[in-house]
């Protein structure tokens, strides 16, 4: 039986996707070559790119006035590329909800004047500051929000309406660790970006979905390959894109379109399944005398569940025991310790059932 991989990223990929990629490794659809060998301008790869682009647009219901860009560099690179494209060297507001938004804020200092509109640092990043408390600058070029903090397990479940908060400012969201896990309210978003390696496919691909009216504002120092207007003009082919990562992402999206749950399909089906998985794990933690989750319940992440053993002397024993049961990559991030289970789309319900079964048995033995 295949092990259950709870890694936060690079993360698990659906088994049937891996099996299809293996079958097509040396000869894609009888063309005599594998995807890694193809010219990115050849008709074979262009067909892969166009299908992946269309499937992403369909799955996330991306409006026509947004451009979908396939780039490289990951989410960390976007921490520089976004201000290079949108800030014009001026003020930008940041909501600090965890480690990733902190990194974004620090990087932006090189290119603009960032301000902290709200921060949850004082309580160890265990909640998301309520938008009503944000101190927003009406002249800011944009507001940056990481909508799911992978390390701290804090998620924004409803995007803020910045106009209702009194500012007509584009909202930039880093949705790397819950992209394609739920629908997006595009009426509240100016730009969304995501590294693929958590919930889409292998590392190497970065998605940027940007409103068309935000294009053409890049600073003069912005490299051409990262200028969103240039990338959009060349349909993500200005330079050689990460072809194999796009191919695998496309297979994942086709897998996602096949998913059903009751009368739901696609993203809505996977959203329902993800909530089922998360509830099972959180209920186990909350009903335990050994485990705890420290995030405010209303802000708990569906994708990334950090938890702690109240007796930390048992940490290594817990991890060793989990590994023997085929439950992998459960160690928490080094900056916060404890454990973390990432329940991305590719994690089946059976994996979470196996995890909670092990957790209950471990607690029973140690009680």
Protein backbone atom coordinates (compact mmCIF):
# COMPACT_ATOMS: atom_id res chain seq x y z
CA UNK A 1 0.00 0.00 0.00
CA UNK A 2 1.25 3.50 -0.83
CA UNK A 3 2.23 5.64 2.16
CA UNK A 4 0.23 8.76 3.06
CA UNK A 5 2.36 11.86 2.54
CA UNK A 6 1.35 14.82 4.75
CA UNK A 7 4.18 17.07 3.52
CA UNK A 8 3.46 20.80 3.31
CA UNK A 9 5.27 21.03 -0.02
CA UNK A 10 6.45 19.73 -2.31
CA UNK A 11 3.38 17.72 -1.54
CA UNK A 12 1.48 14.61 -2.58
CA UNK A 13 0.26 14.28 -6.16
CA UNK A 14 -2.74 12.05 -7.02
CA UNK A 15 -1.56 8.52 -7.71
CA UNK A 16 -3.45 8.22 -10.98
CA UNK A 17 -1.72 11.39 -12.20
CA UNK A 18 1.69 9.91 -11.39
CA UNK A 19 0.75 6.67 -13.13
CA UNK A 20 -0.41 8.50 -16.26
CA UNK A 21 2.76 10.60 -16.31
CA UNK A 22 4.83 7.43 -15.98
CA UNK A 23 3.06 5.86 -18.97
CA UNK A 24 3.65 8.97 -21.05
CA UNK A 25 7.20 9.64 -19.86
CA UNK A 26 9.03 8.63 -23.05
CA UNK A 27 6.24 8.99 -25.61
CA UNK A 28 3.39 11.46 -25.19
CA UNK A 29 0.31 10.40 -27.14
CA UNK A 30 2.36 8.60 -29.74
CA UNK A 31 4.34 11.66 -30.85
CA UNK A 32 7.68 9.89 -30.28
CA UNK A 33 8.98 12.08 -27.47
CA UNK A 34 8.27 12.88 -23.84
CA UNK A 35 6.96 16.22 -22.62
CA UNK A 36 10.34 17.18 -21.12
CA UNK A 37 11.86 16.91 -24.62
CA UNK A 38 9.29 19.01 -26.45
CA UNK A 39 9.80 22.46 -27.85
CA UNK A 40 7.65 24.86 -25.86
CA UNK A 41 6.58 26.37 -29.19
CA UNK A 42 5.74 23.06 -30.87
CA UNK A 43 2.15 22.11 -31.50
CA UNK A 44 2.31 19.20 -29.03
CA UNK A 45 3.23 21.35 -26.05
CA UNK A 46 1.03 24.24 -27.15
CA UNK A 47 -1.93 21.86 -26.99
CA UNK A 48 -0.94 20.88 -23.42
CA UNK A 49 -0.55 24.52 -22.41
CA UNK A 50 -3.88 25.57 -23.93
CA UNK A 51 -5.77 22.73 -22.25
CA UNK A 52 -4.17 23.46 -18.87
CA UNK A 53 -4.95 27.16 -19.24
CA UNK A 54 -8.58 26.43 -20.13
CA UNK A 55 -9.04 23.90 -17.32
CA UNK A 56 -7.65 26.32 -14.73
CA UNK A 57 -9.91 29.10 -16.00
CA UNK A 58 -12.90 26.76 -15.80
CA UNK A 59 -12.11 25.25 -12.40
CA UNK A 60 -11.62 28.64 -10.72
CA UNK A 61 -14.25 30.46 -12.82
CA UNK A 62 -11.67 33.11 -13.72
CA UNK A 63 -13.41 36.09 -15.38
CA UNK A 64 -12.43 37.16 -18.87
CA UNK A 65 -10.92 40.44 -17.64
CA UNK A 66 -8.18 38.53 -15.78
CA UNK A 67 -5.01 37.16 -17.34
CA UNK A 68 -3.65 33.75 -16.32
CA UNK A 69 0.16 33.70 -16.38
CA UNK A 70 2.51 30.73 -15.97
CA UNK A 71 5.82 31.86 -14.50
CA UNK A 72 8.77 30.51 -12.51
CA UNK A 73 10.35 31.43 -9.19
CA UNK A 74 7.69 30.25 -6.76
CA UNK A 75 5.76 32.30 -4.25
CA UNK A 76 8.92 33.73 -2.72
CA UNK A 77 9.92 35.28 -6.05
CA UNK A 78 6.45 36.81 -6.33
CA UNK A 79 7.19 38.67 -3.10
CA UNK A 80 9.54 40.76 -5.27
CA UNK A 81 7.76 40.48 -8.61
CA UNK A 82 4.42 41.77 -7.32
CA UNK A 83 5.82 45.07 -5.95
CA UNK A 84 7.98 45.44 -9.07
CA UNK A 85 4.78 45.28 -11.13
CA UNK A 86 2.23 47.04 -8.97
CA UNK A 87 3.83 49.31 -6.36
CA UNK A 88 5.51 51.92 -8.59
CA UNK A 89 7.85 52.32 -5.61
CA UNK A 90 5.08 53.75 -3.43
CA UNK A 91 3.15 52.62 -0.35
CA UNK A 92 1.73 49.12 0.05
CA UNK A 93 -0.33 47.70 2.94
CA UNK A 94 0.41 44.28 4.46
CA UNK A 95 -1.59 42.09 6.79
CA UNK A 96 0.84 39.98 8.83
CA UNK A 97 -0.89 36.68 9.58
CA UNK A 98 2.11 34.34 9.74
CA UNK A 99 5.56 33.50 8.44
CA UNK A 100 4.79 33.85 4.74
CA UNK A 101 3.25 37.30 5.00
CA UNK A 102 6.24 38.33 7.11
CA UNK A 103 8.56 37.20 4.29
CA UNK A 104 6.46 39.11 1.78
CA UNK A 105 6.64 42.27 3.87
CA UNK A 106 10.41 42.04 4.31
CA UNK A 107 11.04 41.49 0.60
CA UNK A 108 8.79 44.35 -0.43
CA UNK A 109 10.98 46.81 1.49
CA UNK A 110 13.52 46.58 -1.35
CA UNK A 111 11.08 47.96 -3.92
CA UNK A 112 8.44 50.07 -2.17
CA UNK A 113 7.32 51.50 1.17
CA UNK A 114 5.33 48.77 2.92
CA UNK A 115 3.17 49.44 5.97
CA UNK A 116 1.65 46.99 8.42
CA UNK A 117 -2.12 47.38 8.28
CA UNK A 118 -2.64 44.63 10.86
CA UNK A 119 -0.58 41.98 12.62
CA UNK A 120 -1.24 38.83 14.63
CA UNK A 121 2.37 38.46 15.73
CA UNK A 122 1.64 39.38 19.35
CA UNK A 123 -0.32 36.15 19.92
CA UNK A 124 2.08 33.95 17.95
CA UNK A 125 0.03 34.12 14.75
CA UNK A 126 -2.86 32.12 16.12
CA UNK A 127 -5.57 34.21 14.47
CA UNK A 128 -6.30 36.37 11.44
CA UNK A 129 -6.84 40.04 12.33
CA UNK A 130 -10.45 41.01 11.67
CA UNK A 131 -10.64 43.23 8.57
CA UNK A 132 -12.63 45.81 10.56
CA UNK A 133 -9.44 46.43 12.58
CA UNK A 134 -7.12 46.91 9.59
CA UNK A 135 -5.50 50.33 9.36
CA UNK A 136 -5.60 50.82 5.60
CA UNK A 137 -3.94 53.60 3.66
CA UNK A 138 -6.34 54.81 0.95
CA UNK A 139 -3.34 55.78 -1.17
CA UNK A 140 -1.67 52.35 -0.97
CA UNK A 141 -0.99 50.72 -4.33
CA UNK A 142 -2.39 47.42 -3.08
CA UNK A 143 -3.13 45.37 0.03
CA UNK A 144 -1.22 42.10 0.44
CA UNK A 145 -2.85 39.15 2.23
CA UNK A 146 -1.64 35.56 2.54
CA UNK A 147 -4.97 33.77 2.59
CA UNK A 148 -3.57 30.53 4.00
CA UNK A 149 -0.49 30.50 6.22
CA UNK A 150 1.06 27.08 5.65
CA UNK A 151 3.30 27.14 8.74
CA UNK A 152 0.93 28.56 11.35
CA UNK A 153 -2.25 26.98 10.00
CA UNK A 154 -4.27 30.21 9.74
CA UNK A 155 -6.73 30.62 6.86
CA UNK A 156 -8.87 33.46 5.56
CA UNK A 157 -12.20 31.78 4.79
CA UNK A 158 -13.87 34.87 3.29
CA UNK A 159 -11.97 37.48 1.34
CA UNK A 160 -12.31 41.01 2.70
CA UNK A 161 -14.34 43.56 0.76
CA UNK A 162 -11.88 46.45 0.67
CA UNK A 163 -14.45 48.84 -0.78
CA UNK A 164 -16.68 48.17 2.21
CA UNK A 165 -13.68 49.05 4.38
CA UNK A 166 -13.45 52.42 2.69
CA UNK A 167 -10.58 51.95 0.22
CA UNK A 168 -10.60 51.36 -3.52
CA UNK A 169 -7.35 49.40 -3.46
CA UNK A 170 -6.51 46.15 -5.29
CA UNK A 171 -6.27 43.10 -3.06
CA UNK A 172 -3.26 40.86 -3.75
CA UNK A 173 -3.57 37.36 -2.34
CA UNK A 174 -0.98 34.65 -1.90
CA UNK A 175 -3.16 31.54 -2.13
CA UNK A 176 -0.34 29.08 -2.72
CA UNK A 177 -1.41 26.50 -0.15
CA UNK A 178 -5.14 26.42 -0.85
CA UNK A 179 -5.37 27.21 -4.55
CA UNK A 180 -7.93 24.97 -6.31
CA UNK A 181 -9.28 23.90 -2.92
CA UNK A 182 -12.28 26.25 -2.98
CA UNK A 183 -13.89 28.89 -5.21
CA UNK A 184 -12.46 32.42 -5.35
CA UNK A 185 -14.51 35.62 -5.18
CA UNK A 186 -12.79 37.40 -8.06
CA UNK A 187 -14.85 40.53 -7.48
CA UNK A 188 -12.68 41.17 -4.42
CA UNK A 189 -9.29 40.29 -5.96
CA UNK A 190 -6.86 42.28 -8.07
CA UNK A 191 -4.12 39.66 -8.29
CA UNK A 192 -3.65 36.13 -6.96
CA UNK A 193 -0.44 34.11 -7.04
CA UNK A 194 0.52 30.59 -6.08
CA UNK A 195 3.47 28.27 -6.17
CA UNK A 196 2.31 24.97 -7.66
CA UNK A 197 4.14 22.58 -5.35
CA UNK A 198 1.57 22.48 -2.58
CA UNK A 199 -1.76 21.80 -4.24
CA UNK A 200 -1.23 21.70 -8.01
CA UNK A 201 1.81 19.65 -8.92
CA UNK A 202 5.62 19.68 -8.85
CA UNK A 203 7.79 22.64 -7.96
CA UNK A 204 8.84 24.91 -10.80
CA UNK A 205 5.55 26.48 -11.84
CA UNK A 206 4.06 29.67 -10.44
CA UNK A 207 0.54 30.84 -11.24
CA UNK A 208 -0.36 34.51 -11.41
CA UNK A 209 -3.94 35.54 -12.12
CA UNK A 210 -4.08 39.30 -12.57
CA UNK A 211 -6.79 41.80 -13.48
CA UNK A 212 -6.08 43.31 -16.88
CA UNK A 213 -6.27 46.92 -15.68
CA UNK A 214 -3.29 46.27 -13.38
CA UNK A 215 -0.99 45.40 -16.28
CA UNK A 216 1.49 47.88 -17.71
CA UNK A 217 2.56 49.45 -14.41
CA UNK A 218 5.90 47.70 -13.90
CA UNK A 219 8.87 49.65 -12.58
CA UNK A 220 11.73 50.25 -15.01
CA UNK A 221 13.98 47.90 -13.05
CA UNK A 222 11.58 44.97 -13.40
CA UNK A 223 13.14 42.20 -15.51
CA UNK A 224 11.26 41.67 -18.76
CA UNK A 225 10.65 38.00 -17.95
CA UNK A 226 8.78 39.07 -14.81
CA UNK A 227 6.88 42.01 -16.29
CA UNK A 228 3.28 40.80 -16.19
CA UNK A 229 2.32 42.81 -19.29
CA UNK A 230 5.16 41.22 -21.28
CA UNK A 231 4.33 37.71 -20.04
CA UNK A 232 0.65 38.28 -20.88
CA UNK A 233 1.49 39.62 -24.34
CA UNK A 234 3.51 36.49 -25.12
CA UNK A 235 0.97 34.15 -23.47
CA UNK A 236 3.54 32.91 -20.94
CA UNK A 237 5.99 32.07 -23.73
CA UNK A 238 8.30 35.09 -23.52
CA UNK A 239 10.94 32.71 -22.19
CA UNK A 240 10.86 28.93 -21.95
CA UNK A 241 8.17 28.10 -19.39
CA UNK A 242 8.43 25.18 -16.92
CA UNK A 243 6.98 22.78 -19.47
CA UNK A 244 6.91 19.56 -17.46
CA UNK A 245 5.45 21.27 -14.39
CA UNK A 246 2.71 22.74 -16.58
CA UNK A 247 2.03 19.28 -18.01
CA UNK A 248 1.67 17.68 -14.56
CA UNK A 249 -0.45 20.62 -13.38
CA UNK A 250 -2.68 19.97 -16.36
CA UNK A 251 -3.07 16.31 -15.41
CA UNK A 252 -3.92 17.34 -11.84
CA UNK A 253 -6.57 19.73 -13.11
CA UNK A 254 -8.10 17.02 -15.29
CA UNK A 255 -8.12 14.75 -12.22
CA UNK A 256 -9.80 17.50 -10.23
CA UNK A 257 -12.50 17.94 -12.88
CA UNK A 258 -13.31 14.23 -12.51
CA UNK A 259 -13.86 14.46 -8.74
CA UNK A 260 -17.42 14.19 -7.43
CA UNK A 261 -18.93 14.40 -3.95
CA UNK A 262 -22.69 13.89 -3.63
CA UNK A 263 -24.09 16.15 -6.38
CA UNK A 264 -20.98 18.35 -6.53
CA UNK A 265 -18.03 18.18 -8.92
CA UNK A 266 -14.62 19.75 -9.45
CA UNK A 267 -13.55 22.42 -6.96
CA UNK A 268 -16.85 22.32 -5.06
CA UNK A 269 -16.54 18.55 -4.63
CA UNK A 270 -12.94 18.77 -3.41
CA UNK A 271 -13.90 21.61 -1.06
CA UNK A 272 -16.55 19.43 0.57
CA UNK A 273 -14.09 16.54 0.87
CA UNK A 274 -11.40 18.78 2.32
CA UNK A 275 -13.77 20.07 5.00
CA UNK A 276 -14.67 16.49 5.88
CA UNK A 277 -10.99 15.58 6.27
CA UNK A 278 -10.20 18.68 8.33
CA UNK A 279 -13.20 18.18 10.64
CA UNK A 280 -12.15 14.62 11.36
CA UNK A 281 -8.65 15.68 12.35
CA UNK A 282 -9.65 18.78 14.33
CA UNK A 283 -12.34 16.83 16.20
CA UNK A 284 -9.73 14.25 17.15
CA UNK A 285 -7.36 16.94 18.41
CA UNK A 286 -10.06 18.84 20.30
CA UNK A 287 -11.34 15.65 21.94
CA UNK A 288 -7.87 14.65 23.12
CA UNK A 289 -6.00 15.15 26.37
CA UNK A 290 -2.64 14.74 24.57
CA UNK A 291 -2.94 16.89 21.43
CA UNK A 292 -3.76 20.55 20.96
CA UNK A 293 -4.21 23.06 18.14
CA UNK A 294 -3.60 26.69 19.12
CA UNK A 295 -5.32 28.52 16.27
CA UNK A 296 -8.59 30.37 16.90
CA UNK A 297 -11.28 28.01 15.61
CA UNK A 298 -12.77 30.52 13.18
CA UNK A 299 -9.37 30.95 11.51
CA UNK A 300 -8.23 27.33 11.38
CA UNK A 301 -6.80 26.19 8.07
CA UNK A 302 -8.54 23.42 6.17
CA UNK A 303 -5.29 22.61 4.34
CA UNK A 304 -2.56 22.78 7.00
CA UNK A 305 -3.26 21.52 10.50
CA UNK A 306 -0.48 22.18 13.04
CA UNK A 307 -0.83 20.38 16.35
CA UNK A 308 1.26 19.80 19.43
CA UNK A 309 1.75 17.00 21.92
CA UNK A 310 1.29 18.48 25.37
CA UNK A 311 4.17 16.27 26.51
CA UNK A 312 6.80 17.24 23.95
CA UNK A 313 9.12 14.49 25.18
CA UNK A 314 6.92 12.16 23.12
CA UNK A 315 7.49 14.01 19.83
CA UNK A 316 10.15 11.75 18.34
CA UNK A 317 8.37 8.61 19.49
CA UNK A 318 5.20 9.86 17.82
CA UNK A 319 6.99 10.57 14.54
CA UNK A 320 8.77 7.22 14.55
CA UNK A 321 5.53 5.38 15.21
CA UNK A 322 3.71 7.30 12.50
CA UNK A 323 6.39 6.46 9.97
CA UNK A 324 6.09 2.74 10.68
CA UNK A 325 2.40 3.09 9.84
CA UNK A 326 3.13 4.78 6.52
CA UNK A 327 2.21 8.27 7.78
CA UNK A 328 4.96 10.53 6.48
CA UNK A 329 6.19 14.14 6.81
CA UNK A 330 4.28 15.01 9.97
CA UNK A 331 7.01 17.01 11.68
CA UNK A 332 6.07 20.66 12.14
CA UNK A 333 8.06 23.50 10.64
CA UNK A 334 11.31 24.14 12.49
CA UNK A 335 10.22 27.69 13.38
CA UNK A 336 7.18 26.53 15.37
CA UNK A 337 7.88 22.89 16.27
CA UNK A 338 5.22 20.30 16.99
CA UNK A 339 3.45 18.43 14.22
CA UNK A 340 1.71 19.44 11.03
CA UNK A 341 -0.59 17.48 8.74
CA UNK A 342 -1.19 19.01 5.32
CA UNK A 343 -4.49 17.84 3.88
CA UNK A 344 -4.19 19.01 0.29
CA UNK A 345 -6.55 17.90 -2.46
CA UNK A 346 -4.49 14.80 -3.23
CA UNK A 347 -4.75 13.50 0.35
CA UNK A 348 -7.57 10.94 0.42
CA UNK A 349 -9.98 10.67 3.33
CA UNK A 350 -8.45 7.26 4.05
CA UNK A 351 -5.14 8.95 4.84
CA UNK A 352 -6.72 11.16 7.49
CA UNK A 353 -8.62 8.20 8.91
CA UNK A 354 -5.33 6.32 9.21
CA UNK A 355 -3.71 9.31 10.91
CA UNK A 356 -6.44 9.81 13.51
CA UNK A 357 -6.51 6.08 14.16
CA UNK A 358 -2.79 6.16 14.91
CA UNK A 359 -3.16 9.30 17.05
CA UNK A 360 -5.88 7.73 19.18
CA UNK A 361 -3.94 4.52 19.65
CA UNK A 362 -0.76 6.43 20.51
CA UNK A 363 -2.62 8.44 23.13
CA UNK A 364 -4.24 5.33 24.58
CA UNK A 365 -0.86 3.68 25.02
CA UNK A 366 0.69 6.77 26.60
CA UNK A 367 -2.19 7.62 28.91
